[in-house]
Amino acid sequence: MRKATSTAAVLAFIVCSTSGCADLDSARTTTIGDACQKAIQQQNEAWADPDASESKIQEAETKGLKDCKDLDEWSTAVSYNPGSVGYEELSLEEAANSVYLACSSVDSERATPVCADAAKRGYLDES
C-alpha cells in the first residue's frame, strides 16, 4: 500500500505546478550523470513493482535524491522516467515541482543534494 501524502504537500505541489516555482533554463541543458540515472531507474523499477514495500520505495527515492547532484539533474532524470515518481507522463517543469512531494516524504531535513538545492531555490516553501 502506498503512503498517503499530506494535504499541505498536495496543495503546495498544485500551486507550484500552476505557477512555476523557478526558472528551469539550466535544467533544459543538464547532463544526467551515471549515478543519478541508475538511481532514478531503480526508483522507477520500485514504483512499477506492485509488491514493493513502502520502505523499498522510500529507499529508492532517497537514493535518487542523494545520487543526483542538484534539482536540475534530478528533475531532468525524473522527466525522462516519470514512473519513478508515480506518473505516466511528466514535463521538466512538473518534475521539478514534484520535488516538494519527494523531499517532504523522504528528506524533510533537506540533507540530500537535491532537496538542499530545491530548498535554496524556493521549491520547498510552503507558501
C-alpha atoms as a PDB file:
ATOM      1  CA  MET A   1       0.000   0.000   0.000  1.00  0.00           C
ATOM      2  CA  ARG A   2       1.287   3.441  -0.909  1.00  0.00           C
ATOM      3  CA  LYS A   3       1.648   6.133   1.753  1.00  0.00           C
ATOM      4  CA  ALA A   4      -0.894   8.941   1.629  1.00  0.00           C
ATOM      5  CA  THR A   5       0.511  12.378   1.023  1.00  0.00           C
ATOM      6  CA  SER A   6      -0.444  15.222   3.344  1.00  0.00           C
ATOM      7  CA  THR A   7      -2.934  17.806   2.153  1.00  0.00           C
ATOM      8  CA  ALA A   8      -0.341  20.574   2.581  1.00  0.00           C
ATOM      9  CA  ALA A   9       2.114  18.740   0.323  1.00  0.00           C
ATOM     10  CA  VAL A  10      -0.527  18.185  -2.346  1.00  0.00           C
ATOM     11  CA  LEU A  11      -1.648  21.819  -2.235  1.00  0.00           C
ATOM     12  CA  ALA A  12       1.943  23.067  -2.472  1.00  0.00           C
ATOM     13  CA  PHE A  13       2.526  20.784  -5.454  1.00  0.00           C
ATOM     14  CA  ILE A  14      -0.594  22.155  -7.178  1.00  0.00           C
ATOM     15  CA  VAL A  15       0.431  25.753  -6.522  1.00  0.00           C
ATOM     16  CA  CYS A  16       3.964  25.157  -7.810  1.00  0.00           C
ATOM     17  CA  SER A  17       2.663  23.260 -10.825  1.00  0.00           C
ATOM     18  CA  THR A  18       0.324  26.014 -11.871  1.00  0.00           C
ATOM     19  CA  SER A  19       2.523  28.993 -11.072  1.00  0.00           C
ATOM     20  CA  GLY A  20       6.020  27.583 -11.604  1.00  0.00           C
ATOM     21  CA  CYS A  21       8.438  27.938  -8.730  1.00  0.00           C
ATOM     22  CA  ALA A  22      11.567  28.963 -10.577  1.00  0.00           C
ATOM     23  CA  ASP A  23      13.313  29.246 -13.893  1.00  0.00           C
ATOM     24  CA  LEU A  24      14.384  25.892 -15.356  1.00  0.00           C
ATOM     25  CA  ASP A  25      16.594  27.033 -18.236  1.00  0.00           C
ATOM     26  CA  SER A  26      19.647  25.335 -16.748  1.00  0.00           C
ATOM     27  CA  ALA A  27      17.740  22.067 -16.370  1.00  0.00           C
ATOM     28  CA  ARG A  28      16.964  22.023 -20.071  1.00  0.00           C
ATOM     29  CA  THR A  29      20.661  21.555 -20.821  1.00  0.00           C
ATOM     30  CA  THR A  30      21.602  19.393 -17.829  1.00  0.00           C
ATOM     31  CA  THR A  31      23.508  16.193 -18.446  1.00  0.00           C
ATOM     32  CA  ILE A  32      22.381  13.277 -16.318  1.00  0.00           C
ATOM     33  CA  GLY A  33      25.293  11.516 -14.616  1.00  0.00           C
ATOM     34  CA  ASP A  34      25.527   7.733 -14.461  1.00  0.00           C
ATOM     35  CA  ALA A  35      24.855   7.542 -10.704  1.00  0.00           C
ATOM     36  CA  CYS A  36      21.759   9.718 -10.968  1.00  0.00           C
ATOM     37  CA  GLN A  37      20.447   7.853 -13.993  1.00  0.00           C
ATOM     38  CA  LYS A  38      20.918   4.496 -12.270  1.00  0.00           C
ATOM     39  CA  ALA A  39      19.242   5.689  -9.071  1.00  0.00           C
ATOM     40  CA  ILE A  40      16.218   7.091 -10.898  1.00  0.00           C
ATOM     41  CA  GLN A  41      15.910   3.915 -12.967  1.00  0.00           C
ATOM     42  CA  GLN A  42      15.941   1.843  -9.755  1.00  0.00           C
ATOM     43  CA  GLN A  43      13.323   4.181  -8.318  1.00  0.00           C
ATOM     44  CA  ASN A  44      11.235   3.666 -11.458  1.00  0.00           C
ATOM     45  CA  GLU A  45      11.509  -0.109 -11.019  1.00  0.00           C
ATOM     46  CA  ALA A  46      10.483   0.137  -7.349  1.00  0.00           C
ATOM     47  CA  TRP A  47       7.391   2.181  -8.217  1.00  0.00           C
ATOM     48  CA  ALA A  48       6.495  -0.264 -11.019  1.00  0.00           C
ATOM     49  CA  ASP A  49       6.716  -3.294  -8.724  1.00  0.00           C
ATOM     50  CA  PRO A  50       3.236  -3.864  -7.266  1.00  0.00           C
ATOM     51  CA  ASP A  51       4.795  -5.941  -4.473  1.00  0.00           C
ATOM     52  CA  ALA A  52       7.317  -3.277  -3.451  1.00  0.00           C
ATOM     53  CA  SER A  53       7.042  -2.256   0.174  1.00  0.00           C
ATOM     54  CA  GLU A  54       6.765   1.376   1.187  1.00  0.00           C
ATOM     55  CA  SER A  55      10.241   1.148   2.714  1.00  0.00           C
ATOM     56  CA  LYS A  56      11.701  -0.153  -0.577  1.00  0.00           C
ATOM     57  CA  ILE A  57      10.150   2.753  -2.470  1.00  0.00           C
ATOM     58  CA  GLN A  58      11.373   5.278   0.102  1.00  0.00           C
ATOM     59  CA  GLU A  59      14.858   3.780  -0.031  1.00  0.00           C
ATOM     60  CA  ALA A  60      14.878   4.122  -3.817  1.00  0.00           C
ATOM     61  CA  GLU A  61      13.577   7.695  -3.637  1.00  0.00           C
ATOM     62  CA  THR A  62      16.220   8.628  -1.075  1.00  0.00           C
ATOM     63  CA  LYS A  63      18.960   7.168  -3.277  1.00  0.00           C
ATOM     64  CA  GLY A  64      17.777   9.313  -6.198  1.00  0.00           C
ATOM     65  CA  LEU A  65      17.790  12.445  -4.057  1.00  0.00           C
ATOM     66  CA  LYS A  66      21.318  11.581  -2.856  1.00  0.00           C
ATOM     67  CA  ASP A  67      22.861  10.450  -6.145  1.00  0.00           C
ATOM     68  CA  CYS A  68      21.642  13.310  -8.316  1.00  0.00           C
ATOM     69  CA  LYS A  69      23.820  16.384  -7.829  1.00  0.00           C
ATOM     70  CA  ASP A  70      21.070  19.014  -7.801  1.00  0.00           C
ATOM     71  CA  LEU A  71      17.463  19.792  -8.663  1.00  0.00           C
ATOM     72  CA  ASP A  72      18.234  20.291 -12.353  1.00  0.00           C
ATOM     73  CA  GLU A  73      19.810  16.866 -12.765  1.00  0.00           C
ATOM     74  CA  TRP A  74      17.103  15.146 -10.693  1.00  0.00           C
ATOM     75  CA  SER A  75      14.181  16.812 -12.477  1.00  0.00           C
ATOM     76  CA  THR A  76      15.693  16.063 -15.886  1.00  0.00           C
ATOM     77  CA  ALA A  77      16.158  12.397 -14.966  1.00  0.00           C
ATOM     78  CA  VAL A  78      12.664  12.181 -13.487  1.00  0.00           C
ATOM     79  CA  SER A  79      11.094  13.798 -16.559  1.00  0.00           C
ATOM     80  CA  TYR A  80      12.637  11.019 -18.674  1.00  0.00           C
ATOM     81  CA  ASN A  81      11.468   8.395 -16.131  1.00  0.00           C
ATOM     82  CA  PRO A  82       8.069   9.674 -14.915  1.00  0.00           C
ATOM     83  CA  GLY A  83       7.206   6.300 -13.404  1.00  0.00           C
ATOM     84  CA  SER A  84       9.938   6.959 -10.859  1.00  0.00           C
ATOM     85  CA  VAL A  85       7.572   9.347  -9.088  1.00  0.00           C
ATOM     86  CA  GLY A  86       4.352   7.548  -9.954  1.00  0.00           C
ATOM     87  CA  TYR A  87       3.327   9.328 -13.172  1.00  0.00           C
ATOM     88  CA  GLU A  88       2.850   8.149 -16.733  1.00  0.00           C
ATOM     89  CA  GLU A  89       3.986  11.453 -18.253  1.00  0.00           C
ATOM     90  CA  LEU A  90       5.818  14.372 -16.698  1.00  0.00           C
ATOM     91  CA  SER A  91       7.257  17.554 -18.167  1.00  0.00           C
ATOM     92  CA  LEU A  92      10.505  19.004 -16.894  1.00  0.00           C
ATOM     93  CA  GLU A  93       8.600  21.723 -15.021  1.00  0.00           C
ATOM     94  CA  GLU A  94       6.199  19.219 -13.479  1.00  0.00           C
ATOM     95  CA  ALA A  95       9.131  17.032 -12.452  1.00  0.00           C
ATOM     96  CA  ALA A  96      10.869  19.962 -10.760  1.00  0.00           C
ATOM     97  CA  ASN A  97       7.676  20.943  -8.991  1.00  0.00           C
ATOM     98  CA  SER A  98       7.178  17.362  -7.767  1.00  0.00           C
ATOM     99  CA  VAL A  99      10.377  17.641  -5.731  1.00  0.00           C
ATOM    100  CA  TYR A 100       8.273  19.082  -2.904  1.00  0.00           C
ATOM    101  CA  LEU A 101       6.486  15.754  -2.540  1.00  0.00           C
ATOM    102  CA  ALA A 102       9.716  13.753  -2.751  1.00  0.00           C
ATOM    103  CA  CYS A 103      11.567  15.876  -0.212  1.00  0.00           C
ATOM    104  CA  SER A 104       8.677  16.151   2.231  1.00  0.00           C
ATOM    105  CA  SER A 105       8.173  12.399   2.270  1.00  0.00           C
ATOM    106  CA  VAL A 106      11.772  11.130   2.473  1.00  0.00           C
ATOM    107  CA  ASP A 107      14.101  14.066   3.226  1.00  0.00           C
ATOM    108  CA  SER A 108      12.325  16.649   5.337  1.00  0.00           C
ATOM    109  CA  GLU A 109      15.689  17.643   6.812  1.00  0.00           C
ATOM    110  CA  ARG A 110      16.888  18.632   3.320  1.00  0.00           C
ATOM    111  CA  ALA A 111      20.117  16.700   3.785  1.00  0.00           C
ATOM    112  CA  THR A 112      20.349  15.354   0.225  1.00  0.00           C
ATOM    113  CA  PRO A 113      21.888  17.440  -2.572  1.00  0.00           C
ATOM    114  CA  VAL A 114      18.590  17.618  -4.473  1.00  0.00           C
ATOM    115  CA  CYS A 115      16.476  18.717  -1.510  1.00  0.00           C
ATOM    116  CA  ALA A 116      19.119  21.182  -0.308  1.00  0.00           C
ATOM    117  CA  ASP A 117      19.230  22.760  -3.786  1.00  0.00           C
ATOM    118  CA  ALA A 118      15.427  22.737  -4.086  1.00  0.00           C
ATOM    119  CA  ALA A 119      15.107  24.466  -0.696  1.00  0.00           C
ATOM    120  CA  LYS A 120      17.686  27.081  -1.655  1.00  0.00           C
ATOM    121  CA  ARG A 121      15.771  27.788  -4.868  1.00  0.00           C
ATOM    122  CA  GLY A 122      12.359  28.084  -3.181  1.00  0.00           C
ATOM    123  CA  TYR A 123      10.788  24.817  -4.307  1.00  0.00           C
ATOM    124  CA  LEU A 124      10.176  23.636  -0.756  1.00  0.00           C
ATOM    125  CA  ASP A 125       8.496  26.775   0.541  1.00  0.00           C
ATOM    126  CA  GLU A 126       5.071  26.004   1.943  1.00  0.00           C
ATOM    127  CA  SER A 127       3.544  29.323   0.973  1.00  0.00           C
END
